[in-house]
Amino acid sequence: MLIRKPRDPDKKGIIAVYESEGFLDYARSRPNLEVIIATVDAYFAELVSDPASIILYIADLDHRVAGFSIARKGAEATWEVQAGVYFDDRKQGTGRALLN
């Protein structure tokens, strides 16, 4: 497994992680695919427009996205952190590696 910065083709993999079984088990409602795509597009746009405000990494496992982690600057110098691992790739240390 390789933890690396994302490339444009990784968008589809990140979206697949968001869509994977169990990722949003604790959410009240599941966002629709259009919202997820718009969110991922916004992350990539922010990486270009304001790179100091966002940190995004993916877990590359056999040349595919197995998970991602993102930290974004929030209000009053706080950071919001989110990590997701594709359902089939859980329990292998992927999330821990992403958060490290």
PDB file of N, CA and C in Angstrom:
ATOM      1  N   MET A   1       0.849  -1.181   0.000  1.00  0.00           N
ATOM      2  CA  MET A   1       0.000   0.000   0.000  1.00  0.00           C
ATOM      3  C   MET A   1       0.887   1.233   0.000  1.00  0.00           C
ATOM      4  N   LEU A   2       0.505   2.202  -0.795  1.00  0.00           N
ATOM      5  CA  LEU A   2       1.232   3.463  -0.905  1.00  0.00           C
ATOM      6  C   LEU A   2       0.290   4.596  -0.522  1.00  0.00           C
ATOM      7  N   ILE A   3       0.708   5.445   0.405  1.00  0.00           N
ATOM      8  CA  ILE A   3      -0.051   6.652   0.745  1.00  0.00           C
ATOM      9  C   ILE A   3       0.551   7.778  -0.079  1.00  0.00           C
ATOM     10  N   ARG A   4      -0.282   8.442  -0.868  1.00  0.00           N
ATOM     11  CA  ARG A   4       0.236   9.473  -1.772  1.00  0.00           C
ATOM     12  C   ARG A   4      -0.789  10.584  -1.964  1.00  0.00           C
ATOM     13  N   LYS A   5      -0.308  11.659  -2.580  1.00  0.00           N
ATOM     14  CA  LYS A   5      -1.208  12.753  -2.941  1.00  0.00           C
ATOM     15  C   LYS A   5      -2.052  12.302  -4.132  1.00  0.00           C
ATOM     16  N   PRO A   6      -3.262  12.816  -4.224  1.00  0.00           N
ATOM     17  CA  PRO A   6      -4.156  12.357  -5.292  1.00  0.00           C
ATOM     18  C   PRO A   6      -3.823  12.974  -6.647  1.00  0.00           C
ATOM     19  N   ARG A   7      -4.239  12.254  -7.664  1.00  0.00           N
ATOM     20  CA  ARG A   7      -4.180  12.744  -9.039  1.00  0.00           C
ATOM     21  C   ARG A   7      -5.610  12.771  -9.564  1.00  0.00           C
ATOM     22  N   ASP A   8      -5.833  13.524 -10.617  1.00  0.00           N
ATOM     23  CA  ASP A   8      -7.183  13.701 -11.141  1.00  0.00           C
ATOM     24  C   ASP A   8      -7.927  12.381 -11.385  1.00  0.00           C
ATOM     25  N   PRO A   9      -7.278  11.346 -11.940  1.00  0.00           N
ATOM     26  CA  PRO A   9      -8.004  10.085 -12.144  1.00  0.00           C
ATOM     27  C   PRO A   9      -8.471   9.418 -10.837  1.00  0.00           C
ATOM     28  N   ASP A  10      -7.928   9.840  -9.708  1.00  0.00           N
ATOM     29  CA  ASP A  10      -8.318   9.261  -8.418  1.00  0.00           C
ATOM     30  C   ASP A  10      -9.702   9.695  -7.964  1.00  0.00           C
ATOM     31  N   LYS A  11     -10.276  10.698  -8.613  1.00  0.00           N
ATOM     32  CA  LYS A  11     -11.610  11.164  -8.223  1.00  0.00           C
ATOM     33  C   LYS A  11     -12.617  10.025  -8.204  1.00  0.00           C
ATOM     34  N   LYS A  12     -12.596   9.193  -9.246  1.00  0.00           N
ATOM     35  CA  LYS A  12     -13.553   8.084  -9.327  1.00  0.00           C
ATOM     36  C   LYS A  12     -13.384   7.125  -8.152  1.00  0.00           C
ATOM     37  N   GLY A  13     -12.154   6.892  -7.754  1.00  0.00           N
ATOM     38  CA  GLY A  13     -11.897   6.005  -6.621  1.00  0.00           C
ATOM     39  C   GLY A  13     -12.382   6.584  -5.310  1.00  0.00           C
ATOM     40  N   ILE A  14     -12.182   7.884  -5.122  1.00  0.00           N
ATOM     41  CA  ILE A  14     -12.659   8.539  -3.901  1.00  0.00           C
ATOM     42  C   ILE A  14     -14.185   8.485  -3.849  1.00  0.00           C
ATOM     43  N   ILE A  15     -14.828   8.730  -4.978  1.00  0.00           N
ATOM     44  CA  ILE A  15     -16.291   8.652  -5.046  1.00  0.00           C
ATOM     45  C   ILE A  15     -16.749   7.227  -4.712  1.00  0.00           C
ATOM     46  N   ALA A  16     -16.037   6.237  -5.215  1.00  0.00           N
ATOM     47  CA  ALA A  16     -16.392   4.843  -4.922  1.00  0.00           C
ATOM     48  C   ALA A  16     -16.281   4.539  -3.429  1.00  0.00           C
ATOM     49  N   VAL A  17     -15.296   5.126  -2.760  1.00  0.00           N
ATOM     50  CA  VAL A  17     -15.174   4.939  -1.310  1.00  0.00           C
ATOM     51  C   VAL A  17     -16.384   5.542  -0.621  1.00  0.00           C
ATOM     52  N   TYR A  18     -16.756   6.761  -1.014  1.00  0.00           N
ATOM     53  CA  TYR A  18     -17.950   7.380  -0.428  1.00  0.00           C
ATOM     54  C   TYR A  18     -19.190   6.516  -0.648  1.00  0.00           C
ATOM     55  N   GLU A  19     -19.271   5.873  -1.784  1.00  0.00           N
ATOM     56  CA  GLU A  19     -20.434   5.058  -2.129  1.00  0.00           C
ATOM     57  C   GLU A  19     -20.375   3.644  -1.566  1.00  0.00           C
ATOM     58  N   SER A  20     -19.221   3.243  -1.025  1.00  0.00           N
ATOM     59  CA  SER A  20     -19.064   1.857  -0.584  1.00  0.00           C
ATOM     60  C   SER A  20     -19.941   1.552   0.625  1.00  0.00           C
ATOM     61  N   GLU A  21     -20.269   0.292   0.734  1.00  0.00           N
ATOM     62  CA  GLU A  21     -21.115  -0.191   1.817  1.00  0.00           C
ATOM     63  C   GLU A  21     -20.514   0.172   3.173  1.00  0.00           C
ATOM     64  N   GLY A  22     -21.318   0.738   4.020  1.00  0.00           N
ATOM     65  CA  GLY A  22     -20.888   1.015   5.380  1.00  0.00           C
ATOM     66  C   GLY A  22     -20.255   2.367   5.608  1.00  0.00           C
ATOM     67  N   PHE A  23     -19.851   3.077   4.547  1.00  0.00           N
ATOM     68  CA  PHE A  23     -19.148   4.344   4.764  1.00  0.00           C
ATOM     69  C   PHE A  23     -20.015   5.354   5.503  1.00  0.00           C
ATOM     70  N   LEU A  24     -21.264   5.422   5.152  1.00  0.00           N
ATOM     71  CA  LEU A  24     -22.153   6.410   5.783  1.00  0.00           C
ATOM     72  C   LEU A  24     -23.165   5.757   6.718  1.00  0.00           C
ATOM     73  N   ASP A  25     -22.784   4.656   7.343  1.00  0.00           N
ATOM     74  CA  ASP A  25     -23.694   3.959   8.253  1.00  0.00           C
ATOM     75  C   ASP A  25     -24.219   4.847   9.374  1.00  0.00           C
ATOM     76  N   TYR A  26     -23.435   5.808   9.793  1.00  0.00           N
ATOM     77  CA  TYR A  26     -23.816   6.631  10.937  1.00  0.00           C
ATOM     78  C   TYR A  26     -24.477   7.944  10.537  1.00  0.00           C
ATOM     79  N   ALA A  27     -24.616   8.186   9.261  1.00  0.00           N
ATOM     80  CA  ALA A  27     -25.262   9.414   8.793  1.00  0.00           C
ATOM     81  C   ALA A  27     -26.779   9.242   8.835  1.00  0.00           C
ATOM     82  N   ARG A  28     -27.466  10.337   9.050  1.00  0.00           N
ATOM     83  CA  ARG A  28     -28.933  10.282   9.078  1.00  0.00           C
ATOM     84  C   ARG A  28     -29.501   9.936   7.714  1.00  0.00           C
ATOM     85  N   SER A  29     -28.874  10.475   6.683  1.00  0.00           N
ATOM     86  CA  SER A  29     -29.308  10.157   5.327  1.00  0.00           C
ATOM     87  C   SER A  29     -28.084  10.111   4.417  1.00  0.00           C
ATOM     88  N   ARG A  30     -28.188   9.356   3.387  1.00  0.00           N
ATOM     89  CA  ARG A  30     -27.077   9.185   2.453  1.00  0.00           C
ATOM     90  C   ARG A  30     -27.188  10.260   1.371  1.00  0.00           C
ATOM     91  N   PRO A  31     -26.120  11.034   1.155  1.00  0.00           N
ATOM     92  CA  PRO A  31     -26.181  12.040   0.086  1.00  0.00           C
ATOM     93  C   PRO A  31     -26.262  11.347  -1.272  1.00  0.00           C
ATOM     94  N   ASN A  32     -26.887  12.021  -2.206  1.00  0.00           N
ATOM     95  CA  ASN A  32     -26.983  11.401  -3.520  1.00  0.00           C
ATOM     96  C   ASN A  32     -25.650  11.529  -4.256  1.00  0.00           C
ATOM     97  N   LEU A  33     -25.519  10.778  -5.322  1.00  0.00           N
ATOM     98  CA  LEU A  33     -24.268  10.706  -6.067  1.00  0.00           C
ATOM     99  C   LEU A  33     -23.828  12.076  -6.580  1.00  0.00           C
ATOM    100  N   GLU A  34     -24.760  12.903  -7.006  1.00  0.00           N
ATOM    101  CA  GLU A  34     -24.420  14.243  -7.512  1.00  0.00           C
ATOM    102  C   GLU A  34     -23.746  15.082  -6.428  1.00  0.00           C
ATOM    103  N   VAL A  35     -24.222  14.977  -5.201  1.00  0.00           N
ATOM    104  CA  VAL A  35     -23.620  15.719  -4.087  1.00  0.00           C
ATOM    105  C   VAL A  35     -22.215  15.200  -3.812  1.00  0.00           C
ATOM    106  N   ILE A  36     -22.036  13.894  -3.841  1.00  0.00           N
ATOM    107  CA  ILE A  36     -20.712  13.319  -3.606  1.00  0.00           C
ATOM    108  C   ILE A  36     -19.732  13.766  -4.687  1.00  0.00           C
ATOM    109  N   ILE A  37     -20.149  13.717  -5.941  1.00  0.00           N
ATOM    110  CA  ILE A  37     -19.282  14.144  -7.046  1.00  0.00           C
ATOM    111  C   ILE A  37     -18.914  15.612  -6.897  1.00  0.00           C
ATOM    112  N   ALA A  38     -19.882  16.448  -6.568  1.00  0.00           N
ATOM    113  CA  ALA A  38     -19.617  17.882  -6.388  1.00  0.00           C
ATOM    114  C   ALA A  38     -18.645  18.116  -5.235  1.00  0.00           C
ATOM    115  N   THR A  39     -18.778  17.341  -4.171  1.00  0.00           N
ATOM    116  CA  THR A  39     -17.886  17.474  -3.018  1.00  0.00           C
ATOM    117  C   THR A  39     -16.453  17.118  -3.402  1.00  0.00           C
ATOM    118  N   VAL A  40     -16.275  16.005  -4.088  1.00  0.00           N
ATOM    119  CA  VAL A  40     -14.933  15.580  -4.500  1.00  0.00           C
ATOM    120  C   VAL A  40     -14.339  16.585  -5.488  1.00  0.00           C
ATOM    121  N   ASP A  41     -15.136  17.076  -6.419  1.00  0.00           N
ATOM    122  CA  ASP A  41     -14.656  18.111  -7.347  1.00  0.00           C
ATOM    123  C   ASP A  41     -14.210  19.357  -6.591  1.00  0.00           C
ATOM    124  N   ALA A  42     -14.951  19.734  -5.550  1.00  0.00           N
ATOM    125  CA  ALA A  42     -14.592  20.909  -4.745  1.00  0.00           C
ATOM    126  C   ALA A  42     -13.271  20.688  -4.013  1.00  0.00           C
ATOM    127  N   TYR A  43     -13.043  19.466  -3.508  1.00  0.00           N
ATOM    128  CA  TYR A  43     -11.762  19.165  -2.860  1.00  0.00           C
ATOM    129  C   TYR A  43     -10.607  19.385  -3.829  1.00  0.00           C
ATOM    130  N   PHE A  44     -10.737  18.871  -5.037  1.00  0.00           N
ATOM    131  CA  PHE A  44      -9.664  18.999  -6.016  1.00  0.00           C
ATOM    132  C   PHE A  44      -9.466  20.458  -6.448  1.00  0.00           C
ATOM    133  N   ALA A  45     -10.554  21.202  -6.566  1.00  0.00           N
ATOM    134  CA  ALA A  45     -10.446  22.624  -6.903  1.00  0.00           C
ATOM    135  C   ALA A  45      -9.732  23.384  -5.792  1.00  0.00           C
ATOM    136  N   GLU A  46     -10.039  23.044  -4.553  1.00  0.00           N
ATOM    137  CA  GLU A  46      -9.397  23.700  -3.411  1.00  0.00           C
ATOM    138  C   GLU A  46      -7.909  23.365  -3.341  1.00  0.00           C
ATOM    139  N   LEU A  47      -7.537  22.160  -3.732  1.00  0.00           N
ATOM    140  CA  LEU A  47      -6.115  21.788  -3.770  1.00  0.00           C
ATOM    141  C   LEU A  47      -5.326  22.721  -4.683  1.00  0.00           C
ATOM    142  N   VAL A  48      -5.973  23.198  -5.743  1.00  0.00           N
ATOM    143  CA  VAL A  48      -5.323  24.100  -6.693  1.00  0.00           C
ATOM    144  C   VAL A  48      -5.425  25.548  -6.232  1.00  0.00           C
ATOM    145  N   SER A  49      -6.602  25.960  -5.800  1.00  0.00           N
ATOM    146  CA  SER A  49      -6.836  27.373  -5.488  1.00  0.00           C
ATOM    147  C   SER A  49      -6.308  27.806  -4.128  1.00  0.00           C
ATOM    148  N   ASP A  50      -6.301  26.909  -3.146  1.00  0.00           N
ATOM    149  CA  ASP A  50      -5.876  27.266  -1.793  1.00  0.00           C
ATOM    150  C   ASP A  50      -5.236  26.054  -1.107  1.00  0.00           C
ATOM    151  N   PRO A  51      -4.074  25.633  -1.597  1.00  0.00           N
ATOM    152  CA  PRO A  51      -3.469  24.398  -1.090  1.00  0.00           C
ATOM    153  C   PRO A  51      -3.133  24.422   0.402  1.00  0.00           C
ATOM    154  N   ALA A  52      -2.998  25.589   0.988  1.00  0.00           N
ATOM    155  CA  ALA A  52      -2.693  25.663   2.424  1.00  0.00           C
ATOM    156  C   ALA A  52      -3.907  25.335   3.289  1.00  0.00           C
ATOM    157  N   SER A  53      -5.083  25.272   2.688  1.00  0.00           N
ATOM    158  CA  SER A  53      -6.302  25.050   3.465  1.00  0.00           C
ATOM    159  C   SER A  53      -6.800  23.607   3.408  1.00  0.00           C
ATOM    160  N   ILE A  54      -6.083  22.741   2.713  1.00  0.00           N
ATOM    161  CA  ILE A  54      -6.573  21.372   2.547  1.00  0.00           C
ATOM    162  C   ILE A  54      -5.401  20.394   2.439  1.00  0.00           C
ATOM    163  N   ILE A  55      -5.566  19.254   3.059  1.00  0.00           N
ATOM    164  CA  ILE A  55      -4.598  18.161   2.952  1.00  0.00           C
ATOM    165  C   ILE A  55      -5.390  16.940   2.526  1.00  0.00           C
ATOM    166  N   LEU A  56      -5.003  16.335   1.424  1.00  0.00           N
ATOM    167  CA  LEU A  56      -5.735  15.187   0.894  1.00  0.00           C
ATOM    168  C   LEU A  56      -4.739  14.121   0.470  1.00  0.00           C
ATOM    169  N   TYR A  57      -4.938  12.915   0.972  1.00  0.00           N
ATOM    170  CA  TYR A  57      -4.111  11.768   0.601  1.00  0.00           C
ATOM    171  C   TYR A  57      -5.004  10.601   0.244  1.00  0.00           C
ATOM    172  N   ILE A  58      -4.480   9.724  -0.590  1.00  0.00           N
ATOM    173  CA  ILE A  58      -5.192   8.488  -0.882  1.00  0.00           C
ATOM    174  C   ILE A  58      -4.305   7.307  -0.535  1.00  0.00           C
ATOM    175  N   ALA A  59      -4.950   6.191  -0.277  1.00  0.00           N
ATOM    176  CA  ALA A  59      -4.260   4.922  -0.108  1.00  0.00           C
ATOM    177  C   ALA A  59      -4.357   4.190  -1.436  1.00  0.00           C
ATOM    178  N   ASP A  60      -3.227   3.968  -2.055  1.00  0.00           N
ATOM    179  CA  ASP A  60      -3.145   3.296  -3.343  1.00  0.00           C
ATOM    180  C   ASP A  60      -2.778   1.836  -3.070  1.00  0.00           C
ATOM    181  N   LEU A  61      -3.682   0.946  -3.403  1.00  0.00           N
ATOM    182  CA  LEU A  61      -3.467  -0.485  -3.188  1.00  0.00           C
ATOM    183  C   LEU A  61      -3.619  -1.176  -4.538  1.00  0.00           C
ATOM    184  N   ASP A  62      -2.541  -1.715  -5.037  1.00  0.00           N
ATOM    185  CA  ASP A  62      -2.548  -2.381  -6.348  1.00  0.00           C
ATOM    186  C   ASP A  62      -3.078  -1.457  -7.449  1.00  0.00           C
ATOM    187  N   HIS A  63      -2.645  -0.200  -7.415  1.00  0.00           N
ATOM    188  CA  HIS A  63      -2.989   0.813  -8.434  1.00  0.00           C
ATOM    189  C   HIS A  63      -4.472   1.177  -8.456  1.00  0.00           C
ATOM    190  N   ARG A  64      -5.088   1.151  -7.292  1.00  0.00           N
ATOM    191  CA  ARG A  64      -6.474   1.610  -7.169  1.00  0.00           C
ATOM    192  C   ARG A  64      -6.631   2.289  -5.815  1.00  0.00           C
ATOM    193  N   VAL A  65      -7.639   3.149  -5.716  1.00  0.00           N
ATOM    194  CA  VAL A  65      -7.900   3.865  -4.473  1.00  0.00           C
ATOM    195  C   VAL A  65      -8.583   2.924  -3.491  1.00  0.00           C
ATOM    196  N   ALA A  66      -7.927   2.685  -2.349  1.00  0.00           N
ATOM    197  CA  ALA A  66      -8.506   1.856  -1.292  1.00  0.00           C
ATOM    198  C   ALA A  66      -9.111   2.727  -0.196  1.00  0.00           C
ATOM    199  N   GLY A  67      -8.700   3.996  -0.127  1.00  0.00           N
ATOM    200  CA  GLY A  67      -9.216   4.900   0.886  1.00  0.00           C
ATOM    201  C   GLY A  67      -8.643   6.289   0.694  1.00  0.00           C
ATOM    202  N   PHE A  68      -9.131   7.219   1.504  1.00  0.00           N
ATOM    203  CA  PHE A  68      -8.635   8.598   1.447  1.00  0.00           C
ATOM    204  C   PHE A  68      -8.717   9.215   2.829  1.00  0.00           C
ATOM    205  N   SER A  69      -7.942  10.250   3.025  1.00  0.00           N
ATOM    206  CA  SER A  69      -8.072  11.080   4.223  1.00  0.00           C
ATOM    207  C   SER A  69      -7.991  12.528   3.775  1.00  0.00           C
ATOM    208  N   ILE A  70      -8.762  13.351   4.440  1.00  0.00           N
ATOM    209  CA  ILE A  70      -8.795  14.767   4.103  1.00  0.00           C
ATOM    210  C   ILE A  70      -8.865  15.579   5.381  1.00  0.00           C
ATOM    211  N   ALA A  71      -8.113  16.653   5.405  1.00  0.00           N
ATOM    212  CA  ALA A  71      -8.184  17.632   6.489  1.00  0.00           C
ATOM    213  C   ALA A  71      -8.392  18.988   5.825  1.00  0.00           C
ATOM    214  N   ARG A  72      -9.372  19.716   6.308  1.00  0.00           N
ATOM    215  CA  ARG A  72      -9.686  21.037   5.745  1.00  0.00           C
ATOM    216  C   ARG A  72      -9.750  22.046   6.870  1.00  0.00           C
ATOM    217  N   LYS A  73      -9.210  23.227   6.587  1.00  0.00           N
ATOM    218  CA  LYS A  73      -9.269  24.313   7.559  1.00  0.00           C
ATOM    219  C   LYS A  73     -10.714  24.712   7.789  1.00  0.00           C
ATOM    220  N   GLY A  74     -11.078  24.781   9.055  1.00  0.00           N
ATOM    221  CA  GLY A  74     -12.417  25.209   9.415  1.00  0.00           C
ATOM    222  C   GLY A  74     -12.388  26.602  10.011  1.00  0.00           C
ATOM    223  N   ALA A  75     -13.403  26.919  10.747  1.00  0.00           N
ATOM    224  CA  ALA A  75     -13.499  28.230  11.384  1.00  0.00           C
ATOM    225  C   ALA A  75     -12.523  28.336  12.547  1.00  0.00           C
ATOM    226  N   GLU A  76     -12.038  29.515  12.765  1.00  0.00           N
ATOM    227  CA  GLU A  76     -11.196  29.838  13.921  1.00  0.00           C
ATOM    228  C   GLU A  76     -10.005  28.892  14.091  1.00  0.00           C
ATOM    229  N   ALA A  77      -9.277  28.666  13.007  1.00  0.00           N
ATOM    230  CA  ALA A  77      -8.034  27.886  13.023  1.00  0.00           C
ATOM    231  C   ALA A  77      -8.225  26.429  13.442  1.00  0.00           C
ATOM    232  N   THR A  78      -9.416  25.884  13.233  1.00  0.00           N
ATOM    233  CA  THR A  78      -9.643  24.466  13.497  1.00  0.00           C
ATOM    234  C   THR A  78      -9.489  23.696  12.180  1.00  0.00           C
ATOM    235  N   TRP A  79      -9.284  22.427  12.294  1.00  0.00           N
ATOM    236  CA  TRP A  79      -9.198  21.561  11.123  1.00  0.00           C
ATOM    237  C   TRP A  79     -10.259  20.470  11.248  1.00  0.00           C
ATOM    238  N   GLU A  80     -10.957  20.200  10.162  1.00  0.00           N
ATOM    239  CA  GLU A  80     -11.933  19.118  10.104  1.00  0.00           C
ATOM    240  C   GLU A  80     -11.260  17.957   9.389  1.00  0.00           C
ATOM    241  N   VAL A  81     -11.335  16.778   9.975  1.00  0.00           N
ATOM    242  CA  VAL A  81     -10.653  15.612   9.418  1.00  0.00           C
ATOM    243  C   VAL A  81     -11.679  14.526   9.104  1.00  0.00           C
ATOM    244  N   GLN A  82     -11.489  13.895   7.962  1.00  0.00           N
ATOM    245  CA  GLN A  82     -12.358  12.795   7.556  1.00  0.00           C
ATOM    246  C   GLN A  82     -11.490  11.736   6.887  1.00  0.00           C
ATOM    247  N   ALA A  83     -11.787  10.498   7.137  1.00  0.00           N
ATOM    248  CA  ALA A  83     -11.088   9.403   6.471  1.00  0.00           C
ATOM    249  C   ALA A  83     -12.109   8.358   6.071  1.00  0.00           C
ATOM    250  N   GLY A  84     -11.870   7.736   4.950  1.00  0.00           N
ATOM    251  CA  GLY A  84     -12.749   6.673   4.487  1.00  0.00           C
ATOM    252  C   GLY A  84     -11.938   5.584   3.818  1.00  0.00           C
ATOM    253  N   VAL A  85     -12.349   4.366   4.045  1.00  0.00           N
ATOM    254  CA  VAL A  85     -11.696   3.208   3.451  1.00  0.00           C
ATOM    255  C   VAL A  85     -12.755   2.391   2.738  1.00  0.00           C
ATOM    256  N   TYR A  86     -12.440   1.966   1.529  1.00  0.00           N
ATOM    257  CA  TYR A  86     -13.353   1.129   0.768  1.00  0.00           C
ATOM    258  C   TYR A  86     -13.698  -0.101   1.603  1.00  0.00           C
ATOM    259  N   PHE A  87     -14.954  -0.465   1.624  1.00  0.00           N
ATOM    260  CA  PHE A  87     -15.438  -1.502   2.529  1.00  0.00           C
ATOM    261  C   PHE A  87     -14.592  -2.778   2.472  1.00  0.00           C
ATOM    262  N   ASP A  88     -14.279  -3.240   1.289  1.00  0.00           N
ATOM    263  CA  ASP A  88     -13.527  -4.493   1.140  1.00  0.00           C
ATOM    264  C   ASP A  88     -12.079  -4.391   1.610  1.00  0.00           C
ATOM    265  N   ASP A  89     -11.573  -3.180   1.823  1.00  0.00           N
ATOM    266  CA  ASP A  89     -10.176  -2.975   2.232  1.00  0.00           C
ATOM    267  C   ASP A  89     -10.031  -2.636   3.713  1.00  0.00           C
ATOM    268  N   ARG A  90     -11.101  -2.740   4.472  1.00  0.00           N
ATOM    269  CA  ARG A  90     -11.042  -2.466   5.900  1.00  0.00           C
ATOM    270  C   ARG A  90     -10.302  -3.568   6.641  1.00  0.00           C
ATOM    271  N   LYS A  91      -9.901  -3.241   7.861  1.00  0.00           N
ATOM    272  CA  LYS A  91      -9.241  -4.188   8.768  1.00  0.00           C
ATOM    273  C   LYS A  91      -7.859  -4.617   8.273  1.00  0.00           C
ATOM    274  N   GLN A  92      -7.213  -3.731   7.496  1.00  0.00           N
ATOM    275  CA  GLN A  92      -5.872  -4.026   6.986  1.00  0.00           C
ATOM    276  C   GLN A  92      -4.883  -2.913   7.323  1.00  0.00           C
ATOM    277  N   GLY A  93      -5.289  -1.978   8.185  1.00  0.00           N
ATOM    278  CA  GLY A  93      -4.413  -0.879   8.576  1.00  0.00           C
ATOM    279  C   GLY A  93      -4.444   0.315   7.638  1.00  0.00           C
ATOM    280  N   THR A  94      -5.351   0.301   6.673  1.00  0.00           N
ATOM    281  CA  THR A  94      -5.416   1.385   5.690  1.00  0.00           C
ATOM    282  C   THR A  94      -5.798   2.711   6.344  1.00  0.00           C
ATOM    283  N   GLY A  95      -6.821   2.703   7.168  1.00  0.00           N
ATOM    284  CA  GLY A  95      -7.255   3.937   7.844  1.00  0.00           C
ATOM    285  C   GLY A  95      -6.177   4.493   8.756  1.00  0.00           C
ATOM    286  N   ARG A  96      -5.532   3.636   9.491  1.00  0.00           N
ATOM    287  CA  ARG A  96      -4.447   4.067  10.379  1.00  0.00           C
ATOM    288  C   ARG A  96      -3.313   4.696   9.573  1.00  0.00           C
ATOM    289  N   ALA A  97      -2.958   4.074   8.461  1.00  0.00           N
ATOM    290  CA  ALA A  97      -1.881   4.619   7.614  1.00  0.00           C
ATOM    291  C   ALA A  97      -2.272   5.982   7.048  1.00  0.00           C
ATOM    292  N   LEU A  98      -3.518   6.134   6.658  1.00  0.00           N
ATOM    293  CA  LEU A  98      -3.967   7.419   6.128  1.00  0.00           C
ATOM    294  C   LEU A  98      -3.938   8.520   7.171  1.00  0.00           C
ATOM    295  N   LEU A  99      -4.346   8.199   8.381  1.00  0.00           N
ATOM    296  CA  LEU A  99      -4.378   9.219   9.433  1.00  0.00           C
ATOM    297  C   LEU A  99      -2.984   9.549   9.976  1.00  0.00           C
ATOM    298  N   ASN A 100      -2.072   8.612   9.868  1.00  0.00           N
ATOM    299  CA  ASN A 100      -0.681   8.909  10.273  1.00  0.00           C
ATOM    300  C   ASN A 100      -0.076   9.893   9.309  1.00  0.00           C
TER     301      ASN A 100
END
